[in-house]
Amino acid sequence: MPSPIYRVIIEFGYKAKGSVRQYKYSKIDTFVLTDDVELIKVNESLLQKIKRKVNAKKEIDITFKNIYVEGQYGFTNY
Protein backbone atom coordinates (compact mmCIF):
# COMPACT_ATOMS: atom_id res chain seq x y z
CA MET A 1 0.00 0.00 0.00
CA PRO A 2 1.51 3.36 -0.98
CA SER A 3 2.14 5.94 1.72
CA PRO A 4 1.64 9.71 1.28
CA ILE A 5 4.50 12.10 0.49
CA TYR A 6 4.51 15.53 2.17
CA ARG A 7 6.48 18.63 1.22
CA VAL A 8 8.06 20.38 4.22
CA ILE A 9 10.04 23.57 4.68
CA ILE A 10 12.35 23.38 7.68
CA GLU A 11 14.22 26.22 9.37
CA PHE A 12 17.05 24.82 11.47
CA GLY A 13 20.14 25.88 13.36
CA TYR A 14 23.41 23.96 13.48
CA LYS A 15 26.80 24.10 15.13
CA ALA A 16 29.68 21.70 15.73
CA LYS A 17 29.06 19.25 18.56
CA GLY A 18 30.58 20.64 21.77
CA SER A 19 31.08 24.10 20.29
CA VAL A 20 30.34 27.19 22.36
CA ARG A 21 29.61 29.32 19.29
CA GLN A 22 26.06 30.34 18.47
CA TYR A 23 23.90 28.43 16.00
CA LYS A 24 23.99 29.25 12.28
CA TYR A 25 20.53 29.15 10.72
CA SER A 26 19.45 27.84 7.34
CA LYS A 27 16.41 26.44 5.50
CA ILE A 28 15.77 23.23 3.60
CA ASP A 29 12.84 22.39 1.33
CA THR A 30 12.35 18.64 1.02
CA PHE A 31 9.87 15.75 1.04
CA VAL A 32 9.09 13.35 3.91
CA LEU A 33 6.76 10.39 4.41
CA THR A 34 4.91 11.73 7.48
CA ASP A 35 3.21 14.93 8.57
CA ASP A 36 3.95 14.39 12.29
CA VAL A 37 6.42 17.07 13.43
CA GLU A 38 7.97 14.92 16.19
CA LEU A 39 8.69 12.09 13.73
CA ILE A 40 10.16 14.55 11.23
CA LYS A 41 12.64 15.79 13.87
CA VAL A 42 14.12 12.30 14.36
CA ASN A 43 13.92 11.12 10.73
CA GLU A 44 17.38 9.76 9.90
CA SER A 45 17.22 10.50 6.17
CA LEU A 46 16.25 14.12 6.86
CA LEU A 47 19.15 14.54 9.29
CA GLN A 48 21.51 13.21 6.61
CA LYS A 49 20.10 15.72 4.10
CA ILE A 50 20.73 18.54 6.58
CA LYS A 51 24.32 17.38 7.19
CA ARG A 52 24.92 17.21 3.44
CA LYS A 53 23.46 20.71 2.94
CA VAL A 54 25.78 22.31 5.52
CA ASN A 55 28.83 20.25 4.38
CA ALA A 56 29.34 18.80 7.86
CA LYS A 57 32.18 16.33 8.06
CA LYS A 58 31.99 16.04 11.86
CA GLU A 59 29.08 15.56 14.23
CA ILE A 60 26.79 18.58 14.53
CA ASP A 61 24.06 19.71 16.92
CA ILE A 62 20.81 20.54 15.12
CA THR A 63 17.97 22.58 16.56
CA PHE A 64 14.71 23.01 14.69
CA LYS A 65 13.35 26.55 14.62
CA ASN A 66 10.26 25.98 12.47
CA ILE A 67 8.79 23.03 10.57
CA TYR A 68 6.09 23.89 8.05
CA VAL A 69 4.23 20.99 6.42
CA GLU A 70 2.99 22.46 3.15
CA GLY A 71 0.74 19.60 2.09
CA GLN A 72 0.50 16.21 0.50
CA TYR A 73 2.15 15.91 -2.90
CA GLY A 74 1.21 12.37 -3.88
CA PHE A 75 1.92 8.78 -2.91
CA THR A 76 4.95 6.50 -3.00
CA ASN A 77 5.17 3.74 -5.60
CA TYR A 78 5.99 1.02 -3.09
C-alpha atoms as a PDB file:
ATOM      1  CA  MET A   1       0.000   0.000   0.000  1.00  0.00           C
ATOM      2  CA  PRO A   2       1.515   3.364  -0.984  1.00  0.00           C
ATOM      3  CA  SER A   3       2.141   5.941   1.720  1.00  0.00           C
ATOM      4  CA  PRO A   4       1.640   9.709   1.276  1.00  0.00           C
ATOM      5  CA  ILE A   5       4.497  12.102   0.493  1.00  0.00           C
ATOM      6  CA  TYR A   6       4.508  15.527   2.174  1.00  0.00           C
ATOM      7  CA  ARG A   7       6.479  18.632   1.222  1.00  0.00           C
ATOM      8  CA  VAL A   8       8.064  20.378   4.222  1.00  0.00           C
ATOM      9  CA  ILE A   9      10.041  23.566   4.676  1.00  0.00           C
ATOM     10  CA  ILE A  10      12.351  23.378   7.683  1.00  0.00           C
ATOM     11  CA  GLU A  11      14.217  26.222   9.373  1.00  0.00           C
ATOM     12  CA  PHE A  12      17.048  24.822  11.473  1.00  0.00           C
ATOM     13  CA  GLY A  13      20.143  25.877  13.358  1.00  0.00           C
ATOM     14  CA  TYR A  14      23.408  23.957  13.476  1.00  0.00           C
ATOM     15  CA  LYS A  15      26.805  24.096  15.126  1.00  0.00           C
ATOM     16  CA  ALA A  16      29.679  21.697  15.734  1.00  0.00           C
ATOM     17  CA  LYS A  17      29.063  19.250  18.562  1.00  0.00           C
ATOM     18  CA  GLY A  18      30.575  20.637  21.766  1.00  0.00           C
ATOM     19  CA  SER A  19      31.082  24.099  20.289  1.00  0.00           C
ATOM     20  CA  VAL A  20      30.341  27.188  22.356  1.00  0.00           C
ATOM     21  CA  ARG A  21      29.609  29.322  19.293  1.00  0.00           C
ATOM     22  CA  GLN A  22      26.065  30.336  18.469  1.00  0.00           C
ATOM     23  CA  TYR A  23      23.905  28.431  15.999  1.00  0.00           C
ATOM     24  CA  LYS A  24      23.993  29.250  12.280  1.00  0.00           C
ATOM     25  CA  TYR A  25      20.525  29.151  10.722  1.00  0.00           C
ATOM     26  CA  SER A  26      19.454  27.843   7.342  1.00  0.00           C
ATOM     27  CA  LYS A  27      16.407  26.436   5.500  1.00  0.00           C
ATOM     28  CA  ILE A  28      15.775  23.232   3.600  1.00  0.00           C
ATOM     29  CA  ASP A  29      12.845  22.392   1.329  1.00  0.00           C
ATOM     30  CA  THR A  30      12.348  18.643   1.018  1.00  0.00           C
ATOM     31  CA  PHE A  31       9.873  15.746   1.037  1.00  0.00           C
ATOM     32  CA  VAL A  32       9.093  13.349   3.911  1.00  0.00           C
ATOM     33  CA  LEU A  33       6.765  10.392   4.414  1.00  0.00           C
ATOM     34  CA  THR A  34       4.915  11.727   7.476  1.00  0.00           C
ATOM     35  CA  ASP A  35       3.208  14.929   8.570  1.00  0.00           C
ATOM     36  CA  ASP A  36       3.949  14.387  12.289  1.00  0.00           C
ATOM     37  CA  VAL A  37       6.422  17.065  13.433  1.00  0.00           C
ATOM     38  CA  GLU A  38       7.966  14.919  16.185  1.00  0.00           C
ATOM     39  CA  LEU A  39       8.694  12.088  13.733  1.00  0.00           C
ATOM     40  CA  ILE A  40      10.163  14.555  11.230  1.00  0.00           C
ATOM     41  CA  LYS A  41      12.641  15.789  13.868  1.00  0.00           C
ATOM     42  CA  VAL A  42      14.118  12.302  14.365  1.00  0.00           C
ATOM     43  CA  ASN A  43      13.921  11.118  10.728  1.00  0.00           C
ATOM     44  CA  GLU A  44      17.382   9.762   9.904  1.00  0.00           C
ATOM     45  CA  SER A  45      17.224  10.498   6.169  1.00  0.00           C
ATOM     46  CA  LEU A  46      16.253  14.119   6.861  1.00  0.00           C
ATOM     47  CA  LEU A  47      19.147  14.543   9.293  1.00  0.00           C
ATOM     48  CA  GLN A  48      21.510  13.209   6.608  1.00  0.00           C
ATOM     49  CA  LYS A  49      20.100  15.723   4.103  1.00  0.00           C
ATOM     50  CA  ILE A  50      20.730  18.543   6.580  1.00  0.00           C
ATOM     51  CA  LYS A  51      24.320  17.380   7.190  1.00  0.00           C
ATOM     52  CA  ARG A  52      24.915  17.209   3.441  1.00  0.00           C
ATOM     53  CA  LYS A  53      23.456  20.709   2.945  1.00  0.00           C
ATOM     54  CA  VAL A  54      25.784  22.310   5.523  1.00  0.00           C
ATOM     55  CA  ASN A  55      28.825  20.245   4.384  1.00  0.00           C
ATOM     56  CA  ALA A  56      29.340  18.802   7.859  1.00  0.00           C
ATOM     57  CA  LYS A  57      32.182  16.329   8.057  1.00  0.00           C
ATOM     58  CA  LYS A  58      31.991  16.037  11.860  1.00  0.00           C
ATOM     59  CA  GLU A  59      29.084  15.561  14.231  1.00  0.00           C
ATOM     60  CA  ILE A  60      26.785  18.582  14.527  1.00  0.00           C
ATOM     61  CA  ASP A  61      24.060  19.710  16.917  1.00  0.00           C
ATOM     62  CA  ILE A  62      20.814  20.539  15.118  1.00  0.00           C
ATOM     63  CA  THR A  63      17.975  22.582  16.561  1.00  0.00           C
ATOM     64  CA  PHE A  64      14.712  23.008  14.685  1.00  0.00           C
ATOM     65  CA  LYS A  65      13.349  26.550  14.621  1.00  0.00           C
ATOM     66  CA  ASN A  66      10.256  25.976  12.471  1.00  0.00           C
ATOM     67  CA  ILE A  67       8.794  23.030  10.567  1.00  0.00           C
ATOM     68  CA  TYR A  68       6.089  23.889   8.054  1.00  0.00           C
ATOM     69  CA  VAL A  69       4.232  20.987   6.422  1.00  0.00           C
ATOM     70  CA  GLU A  70       2.987  22.460   3.148  1.00  0.00           C
ATOM     71  CA  GLY A  71       0.743  19.602   2.088  1.00  0.00           C
ATOM     72  CA  GLN A  72       0.498  16.208   0.498  1.00  0.00           C
ATOM     73  CA  TYR A  73       2.149  15.907  -2.900  1.00  0.00           C
ATOM     74  CA  GLY A  74       1.207  12.367  -3.877  1.00  0.00           C
ATOM     75  CA  PHE A  75       1.915   8.778  -2.913  1.00  0.00           C
ATOM     76  CA  THR A  76       4.951   6.500  -3.003  1.00  0.00           C
ATOM     77  CA  ASN A  77       5.171   3.739  -5.595  1.00  0.00           C
ATOM     78  CA  TYR A  78       5.995   1.020  -3.086  1.00  0.00           C
END
